[in-house]
């Protein structure tokens, strides 16, 4: 079972360099031994209009599918707007 993924997140605030941007390392939680893949697929479909950063249900489903290698995140950032 894959472990948590590490990534760098750029947060706005008062950084150590005074530039207003902080770099944070974020580790996704490890997946338990009983992922419900079908439920994750269903949640992704049910919450297709939601954004991952605004919907905990879609975020959990997305993370489950990524950690079980059922979904590969896109390599370019999503469109904003």
Protein backbone atom coordinates (compact mmCIF):
# COMPACT_ATOMS: atom_id res chain seq x y z
CA UNK A 1 0.00 0.00 0.00
CA UNK A 2 1.55 3.38 -0.96
CA UNK A 3 2.39 5.80 1.84
CA UNK A 4 1.67 9.50 2.05
CA UNK A 5 2.79 11.83 -0.69
CA UNK A 6 4.95 14.83 0.06
CA UNK A 7 4.45 18.12 -1.69
CA UNK A 8 5.38 21.75 -1.34
CA UNK A 9 2.63 24.24 -0.70
CA UNK A 10 3.17 27.97 -1.10
CA UNK A 11 1.13 29.88 1.45
CA UNK A 12 0.75 33.63 1.60
CA UNK A 13 1.73 35.21 4.89
CA UNK A 14 4.82 36.54 6.55
CA UNK A 15 7.66 34.32 5.44
CA UNK A 16 11.07 34.02 7.02
CA UNK A 17 12.52 35.99 4.12
CA UNK A 18 10.01 38.84 4.64
CA UNK A 19 8.71 38.31 1.10
CA UNK A 20 5.22 37.35 2.15
CA UNK A 21 5.33 33.74 0.93
CA UNK A 22 6.02 30.71 3.11
CA UNK A 23 6.93 27.26 1.81
CA UNK A 24 5.35 24.43 3.74
CA UNK A 25 5.86 20.71 3.30
CA UNK A 26 2.58 18.88 3.45
CA UNK A 27 2.34 15.11 3.91
CA UNK A 28 -0.88 13.34 3.00
CA UNK A 29 -2.09 10.92 5.69
CA UNK A 30 -1.43 7.25 5.10
CA UNK A 31 -4.30 5.18 3.79
CA UNK A 32 -5.72 2.56 6.12
CA UNK A 33 -5.76 -1.06 5.02
CA UNK A 34 -9.41 -0.88 3.95
CA UNK A 35 -9.83 1.75 1.23
CA UNK A 36 -13.28 1.77 -0.35
CA UNK A 37 -12.41 2.32 -4.01
CA UNK A 38 -15.99 2.07 -5.28
CA UNK A 39 -17.15 4.59 -2.68
CA UNK A 40 -14.35 6.95 -3.70
CA UNK A 41 -15.40 6.68 -7.35
CA UNK A 42 -19.04 7.32 -6.40
CA UNK A 43 -18.08 10.36 -4.29
CA UNK A 44 -16.01 11.80 -7.14
CA UNK A 45 -19.04 11.46 -9.41
CA UNK A 46 -21.51 12.82 -6.86
CA UNK A 47 -19.25 15.82 -6.11
CA UNK A 48 -18.06 16.48 -9.67
CA UNK A 49 -19.22 20.11 -9.49
CA UNK A 50 -17.26 20.69 -6.26
CA UNK A 51 -13.68 21.90 -6.02
CA UNK A 52 -11.27 19.70 -4.09
CA UNK A 53 -10.11 22.62 -1.96
CA UNK A 54 -13.71 23.42 -0.89
CA UNK A 55 -15.23 19.94 -0.42
CA UNK A 56 -13.93 17.49 2.16
CA UNK A 57 -15.85 14.61 0.53
CA UNK A 58 -14.25 15.14 -2.87
CA UNK A 59 -10.82 15.72 -1.31
CA UNK A 60 -11.01 12.42 0.61
CA UNK A 61 -12.20 10.54 -2.48
CA UNK A 62 -9.49 12.11 -4.64
CA UNK A 63 -6.76 11.28 -2.11
CA UNK A 64 -8.01 7.68 -1.84
CA UNK A 65 -7.90 7.24 -5.63
CA UNK A 66 -4.43 8.81 -5.88
CA UNK A 67 -2.96 6.72 -3.03
CA UNK A 68 -4.36 3.51 -4.53
CA UNK A 69 -2.98 4.41 -7.98
CA UNK A 70 -6.47 4.59 -9.51
CA UNK A 71 -6.00 8.26 -10.46
CA UNK A 72 -2.87 10.12 -11.54
CA UNK A 73 -2.90 13.85 -10.69
CA UNK A 74 -2.44 16.18 -13.63
CA UNK A 75 1.04 17.62 -13.98
CA UNK A 76 -0.11 21.17 -14.76
CA UNK A 77 -2.12 23.29 -12.33
CA UNK A 78 -5.89 23.39 -12.88
CA UNK A 79 -7.55 26.42 -14.43
CA UNK A 80 -8.68 29.08 -12.01
CA UNK A 81 -11.78 31.15 -12.27
